[in-house]
């Protein structure tokens, strides 16, 4: 999971501020294509100071072509690629 510059997301009739980005590989044919599941999360703090996350957006990203050829399986590279696809800034 990565911390991102806050982005406002419309979720269940409210605007939520997502500050976390999570991404997992859900398919890779080890040849020319991979699919990642991503989610944007809002961090909530209760009265006692306990933090929890709330999913405010989710979806899939497909990695193909020269992007797939550039990927060496490195998680940080994949996170940077995914953030770029979604217009997010990792901080």
N, C-alpha and C. Protein backbone atom coordinates (compact mmCIF):
# COMPACT_ATOMS: atom_id res chain seq x y z
N UNK A 1 0.84 -1.16 0.00
CA UNK A 1 0.00 0.00 0.00
C UNK A 1 0.90 1.24 0.00
N UNK A 2 0.48 2.25 -0.75
CA UNK A 2 1.25 3.49 -0.87
C UNK A 2 0.39 4.67 -0.42
N UNK A 3 1.05 5.67 0.15
CA UNK A 3 0.39 6.93 0.49
C UNK A 3 0.41 7.81 -0.75
N UNK A 4 -0.72 8.45 -1.02
CA UNK A 4 -0.84 9.31 -2.19
C UNK A 4 -1.26 10.71 -1.77
N UNK A 5 -1.00 11.66 -2.66
CA UNK A 5 -1.54 13.00 -2.48
C UNK A 5 -3.05 12.85 -2.49
N UNK A 6 -3.73 13.47 -1.56
CA UNK A 6 -5.18 13.31 -1.42
C UNK A 6 -5.92 13.63 -2.71
N UNK A 7 -6.88 12.77 -3.04
CA UNK A 7 -7.78 13.01 -4.17
C UNK A 7 -9.21 12.83 -3.67
N UNK A 8 -10.09 13.70 -4.13
CA UNK A 8 -11.49 13.60 -3.75
C UNK A 8 -12.19 12.59 -4.65
N UNK A 9 -12.97 11.71 -4.01
CA UNK A 9 -13.68 10.66 -4.73
C UNK A 9 -15.14 10.68 -4.29
N UNK A 10 -16.05 10.62 -5.24
CA UNK A 10 -17.47 10.53 -4.93
C UNK A 10 -17.78 9.07 -4.58
N UNK A 11 -18.23 8.85 -3.34
CA UNK A 11 -18.48 7.48 -2.88
C UNK A 11 -19.76 7.44 -2.05
N UNK A 12 -20.73 6.67 -2.52
CA UNK A 12 -21.99 6.49 -1.79
C UNK A 12 -22.65 7.82 -1.41
N UNK A 13 -22.69 8.75 -2.34
CA UNK A 13 -23.37 10.01 -2.12
C UNK A 13 -22.60 11.05 -1.34
N UNK A 14 -21.31 10.78 -1.10
CA UNK A 14 -20.47 11.73 -0.36
C UNK A 14 -19.12 11.86 -1.04
N UNK A 15 -18.48 13.00 -0.83
CA UNK A 15 -17.11 13.18 -1.30
C UNK A 15 -16.19 12.71 -0.19
N UNK A 16 -15.31 11.76 -0.53
CA UNK A 16 -14.33 11.23 0.42
C UNK A 16 -12.93 11.58 -0.09
N UNK A 17 -12.01 11.75 0.83
CA UNK A 17 -10.62 12.08 0.49
C UNK A 17 -9.78 10.81 0.58
N UNK A 18 -9.37 10.30 -0.57
CA UNK A 18 -8.54 9.09 -0.60
C UNK A 18 -7.07 9.48 -0.44
N UNK A 19 -6.38 8.81 0.48
CA UNK A 19 -4.96 9.10 0.72
C UNK A 19 -4.10 7.84 0.65
N UNK A 20 -4.72 6.70 0.36
CA UNK A 20 -3.99 5.43 0.25
C UNK A 20 -4.35 4.77 -1.08
N UNK A 21 -3.35 4.11 -1.67
CA UNK A 21 -3.49 3.42 -2.95
C UNK A 21 -2.96 2.01 -2.77
N UNK A 22 -3.79 1.03 -3.04
CA UNK A 22 -3.38 -0.37 -2.94
C UNK A 22 -3.57 -1.02 -4.29
N UNK A 23 -2.66 -1.92 -4.65
CA UNK A 23 -2.74 -2.57 -5.96
C UNK A 23 -2.18 -3.98 -5.83
N UNK A 24 -2.88 -4.95 -6.43
CA UNK A 24 -2.45 -6.35 -6.40
C UNK A 24 -2.56 -6.95 -7.79
N UNK A 25 -1.59 -7.78 -8.15
CA UNK A 25 -1.65 -8.50 -9.41
C UNK A 25 -2.70 -9.61 -9.28
N UNK A 26 -3.63 -9.65 -10.24
CA UNK A 26 -4.64 -10.70 -10.22
C UNK A 26 -4.51 -11.64 -11.42
N UNK A 27 -3.66 -11.26 -12.39
CA UNK A 27 -3.41 -12.12 -13.55
C UNK A 27 -2.13 -11.68 -14.22
N UNK A 28 -1.32 -12.64 -14.61
CA UNK A 28 -0.11 -12.36 -15.40
C UNK A 28 0.15 -13.60 -16.24
N UNK A 29 0.08 -13.46 -17.57
CA UNK A 29 0.32 -14.62 -18.42
C UNK A 29 1.82 -14.88 -18.64
N UNK A 30 2.66 -14.07 -17.99
CA UNK A 30 4.12 -14.21 -18.04
C UNK A 30 4.68 -14.07 -19.46
N UNK A 31 3.89 -13.45 -20.32
CA UNK A 31 4.30 -13.29 -21.71
C UNK A 31 4.14 -11.85 -22.20
N UNK A 32 2.91 -11.34 -22.13
CA UNK A 32 2.69 -10.00 -22.68
C UNK A 32 1.54 -9.23 -22.04
N UNK A 33 1.01 -9.73 -20.92
CA UNK A 33 -0.15 -9.08 -20.34
C UNK A 33 -0.29 -9.41 -18.85
N UNK A 34 -0.65 -8.39 -18.08
CA UNK A 34 -0.95 -8.57 -16.66
C UNK A 34 -2.12 -7.66 -16.30
N UNK A 35 -2.88 -8.07 -15.30
CA UNK A 35 -4.00 -7.28 -14.81
C UNK A 35 -3.82 -7.06 -13.32
N UNK A 36 -4.04 -5.83 -12.90
CA UNK A 36 -3.94 -5.45 -11.50
C UNK A 36 -5.29 -4.97 -10.99
N UNK A 37 -5.62 -5.36 -9.77
CA UNK A 37 -6.79 -4.83 -9.07
C UNK A 37 -6.27 -3.69 -8.20
N UNK A 38 -6.94 -2.54 -8.25
CA UNK A 38 -6.52 -1.42 -7.42
C UNK A 38 -7.68 -0.93 -6.56
N UNK A 39 -7.34 -0.27 -5.48
CA UNK A 39 -8.34 0.40 -4.67
C UNK A 39 -7.76 1.68 -4.08
N UNK A 40 -8.61 2.69 -4.00
CA UNK A 40 -8.28 3.93 -3.33
C UNK A 40 -8.99 3.91 -1.99
N UNK A 41 -8.26 4.30 -0.95
CA UNK A 41 -8.77 4.18 0.41
C UNK A 41 -8.74 5.52 1.13
N UNK A 42 -9.79 5.78 1.91
CA UNK A 42 -9.82 6.92 2.81
C UNK A 42 -9.44 6.40 4.19
N UNK A 43 -8.69 7.19 4.93
CA UNK A 43 -8.30 6.82 6.29
C UNK A 43 -9.24 7.53 7.26
N UNK A 44 -9.84 6.74 8.15
CA UNK A 44 -10.74 7.28 9.17
C UNK A 44 -10.09 7.08 10.53
N UNK A 45 -10.26 8.05 11.42
CA UNK A 45 -9.74 7.97 12.78
C UNK A 45 -10.92 8.09 13.74
N UNK A 46 -11.07 7.11 14.64
CA UNK A 46 -12.17 7.16 15.60
C UNK A 46 -11.81 8.02 16.81
N UNK A 47 -12.73 8.13 17.77
CA UNK A 47 -12.55 9.00 18.94
C UNK A 47 -11.34 8.61 19.78
N UNK A 48 -10.96 7.33 19.76
CA UNK A 48 -9.79 6.87 20.53
C UNK A 48 -8.48 7.00 19.75
N UNK A 49 -8.55 7.48 18.52
CA UNK A 49 -7.35 7.64 17.72
C UNK A 49 -6.98 6.43 16.88
N UNK A 50 -7.86 5.42 16.83
CA UNK A 50 -7.60 4.22 16.03
C UNK A 50 -7.90 4.50 14.56
N UNK A 51 -6.99 4.11 13.70
CA UNK A 51 -7.16 4.32 12.27
C UNK A 51 -7.77 3.09 11.60
N UNK A 52 -8.62 3.34 10.63
CA UNK A 52 -9.15 2.28 9.77
C UNK A 52 -9.23 2.85 8.36
N UNK A 53 -9.31 1.96 7.38
CA UNK A 53 -9.42 2.41 6.00
C UNK A 53 -10.78 2.04 5.45
N UNK A 54 -11.24 2.86 4.51
CA UNK A 54 -12.51 2.65 3.84
C UNK A 54 -12.28 2.73 2.33
N UNK A 55 -12.66 1.69 1.62
CA UNK A 55 -12.51 1.70 0.16
C UNK A 55 -13.49 2.69 -0.44
N UNK A 56 -12.97 3.62 -1.25
CA UNK A 56 -13.84 4.61 -1.88
C UNK A 56 -13.85 4.49 -3.41
N UNK A 57 -12.93 3.70 -3.95
CA UNK A 57 -12.90 3.45 -5.39
C UNK A 57 -12.10 2.18 -5.64
N UNK A 58 -12.44 1.48 -6.72
CA UNK A 58 -11.71 0.26 -7.07
C UNK A 58 -11.89 -0.03 -8.54
N UNK A 59 -11.01 -0.87 -9.06
CA UNK A 59 -11.11 -1.25 -10.46
C UNK A 59 -9.92 -2.10 -10.87
N UNK A 60 -9.78 -2.31 -12.18
CA UNK A 60 -8.70 -3.11 -12.74
C UNK A 60 -7.91 -2.28 -13.74
N UNK A 61 -6.62 -2.54 -13.81
CA UNK A 61 -5.73 -1.93 -14.79
C UNK A 61 -5.04 -3.03 -15.58
N UNK A 62 -4.95 -2.87 -16.89
CA UNK A 62 -4.28 -3.85 -17.75
C UNK A 62 -2.93 -3.32 -18.19
N UNK A 63 -1.91 -4.12 -17.95
CA UNK A 63 -0.53 -3.79 -18.33
C UNK A 63 -0.19 -4.62 -19.57
N UNK A 64 0.08 -3.93 -20.69
CA UNK A 64 0.37 -4.61 -21.96
C UNK A 64 1.43 -3.84 -22.73
N UNK A 65 1.80 -4.37 -23.87
CA UNK A 65 2.69 -3.68 -24.80
C UNK A 65 4.06 -3.38 -24.22
N UNK A 66 4.58 -2.20 -24.59
CA UNK A 66 5.92 -1.83 -24.13
C UNK A 66 5.97 -1.64 -22.62
N UNK A 67 4.85 -1.27 -22.01
CA UNK A 67 4.83 -1.16 -20.55
C UNK A 67 5.08 -2.53 -19.92
N UNK A 68 4.45 -3.57 -20.45
CA UNK A 68 4.67 -4.91 -19.91
C UNK A 68 6.13 -5.33 -20.12
N UNK A 69 6.66 -5.03 -21.28
CA UNK A 69 8.05 -5.38 -21.58
C UNK A 69 9.03 -4.65 -20.64
N UNK A 70 8.67 -3.45 -20.19
CA UNK A 70 9.52 -2.67 -19.29
C UNK A 70 9.46 -3.17 -17.85
N UNK A 71 8.40 -3.86 -17.50
CA UNK A 71 8.19 -4.30 -16.12
C UNK A 71 9.02 -5.55 -15.85
N UNK A 72 9.83 -5.49 -14.79
CA UNK A 72 10.65 -6.65 -14.42
C UNK A 72 10.08 -7.38 -13.21
N UNK A 73 8.82 -7.13 -12.88
CA UNK A 73 8.19 -7.76 -11.73
C UNK A 73 8.33 -6.96 -10.45
N UNK A 74 9.00 -5.81 -10.51
CA UNK A 74 9.22 -4.97 -9.34
C UNK A 74 7.92 -4.31 -8.89
N UNK A 75 7.60 -4.44 -7.60
CA UNK A 75 6.36 -3.87 -7.07
C UNK A 75 6.35 -2.35 -7.14
N UNK A 76 7.46 -1.70 -6.82
CA UNK A 76 7.49 -0.24 -6.86
C UNK A 76 7.26 0.27 -8.28
N UNK A 77 7.85 -0.41 -9.27
CA UNK A 77 7.62 -0.01 -10.66
C UNK A 77 6.13 -0.13 -10.98
N UNK A 78 5.50 -1.23 -10.57
CA UNK A 78 4.08 -1.45 -10.86
C UNK A 78 3.22 -0.38 -10.18
N UNK A 79 3.54 -0.04 -8.92
CA UNK A 79 2.79 1.01 -8.24
C UNK A 79 2.92 2.35 -8.96
N UNK A 80 4.14 2.68 -9.39
CA UNK A 80 4.36 3.94 -10.09
C UNK A 80 3.57 3.95 -11.41
N UNK A 81 3.62 2.83 -12.13
CA UNK A 81 2.87 2.72 -13.39
C UNK A 81 1.37 2.88 -13.13
N UNK A 82 0.86 2.17 -12.12
CA UNK A 82 -0.57 2.25 -11.81
C UNK A 82 -0.98 3.65 -11.40
N UNK A 83 -0.18 4.30 -10.58
CA UNK A 83 -0.49 5.67 -10.16
C UNK A 83 -0.54 6.60 -11.36
N UNK A 84 0.40 6.43 -12.28
CA UNK A 84 0.42 7.24 -13.49
C UNK A 84 -0.85 7.03 -14.31
N UNK A 85 -1.28 5.78 -14.45
CA UNK A 85 -2.49 5.48 -15.21
C UNK A 85 -3.72 6.16 -14.61
N UNK A 86 -3.73 6.28 -13.28
CA UNK A 86 -4.89 6.84 -12.58
C UNK A 86 -4.74 8.33 -12.27
N UNK A 87 -3.61 8.92 -12.64
CA UNK A 87 -3.40 10.34 -12.36
C UNK A 87 -3.14 10.62 -10.89
N UNK A 88 -2.54 9.68 -10.17
CA UNK A 88 -2.25 9.83 -8.75
C UNK A 88 -0.78 10.19 -8.55
N UNK A 89 -0.49 10.82 -7.42
CA UNK A 89 0.87 11.15 -7.04
C UNK A 89 1.22 10.41 -5.76
N UNK A 90 2.19 9.50 -5.83
CA UNK A 90 2.66 8.79 -4.65
C UNK A 90 3.59 9.73 -3.88
N UNK A 91 3.38 9.77 -2.56
CA UNK A 91 4.24 10.64 -1.72
C UNK A 91 4.96 9.80 -0.68
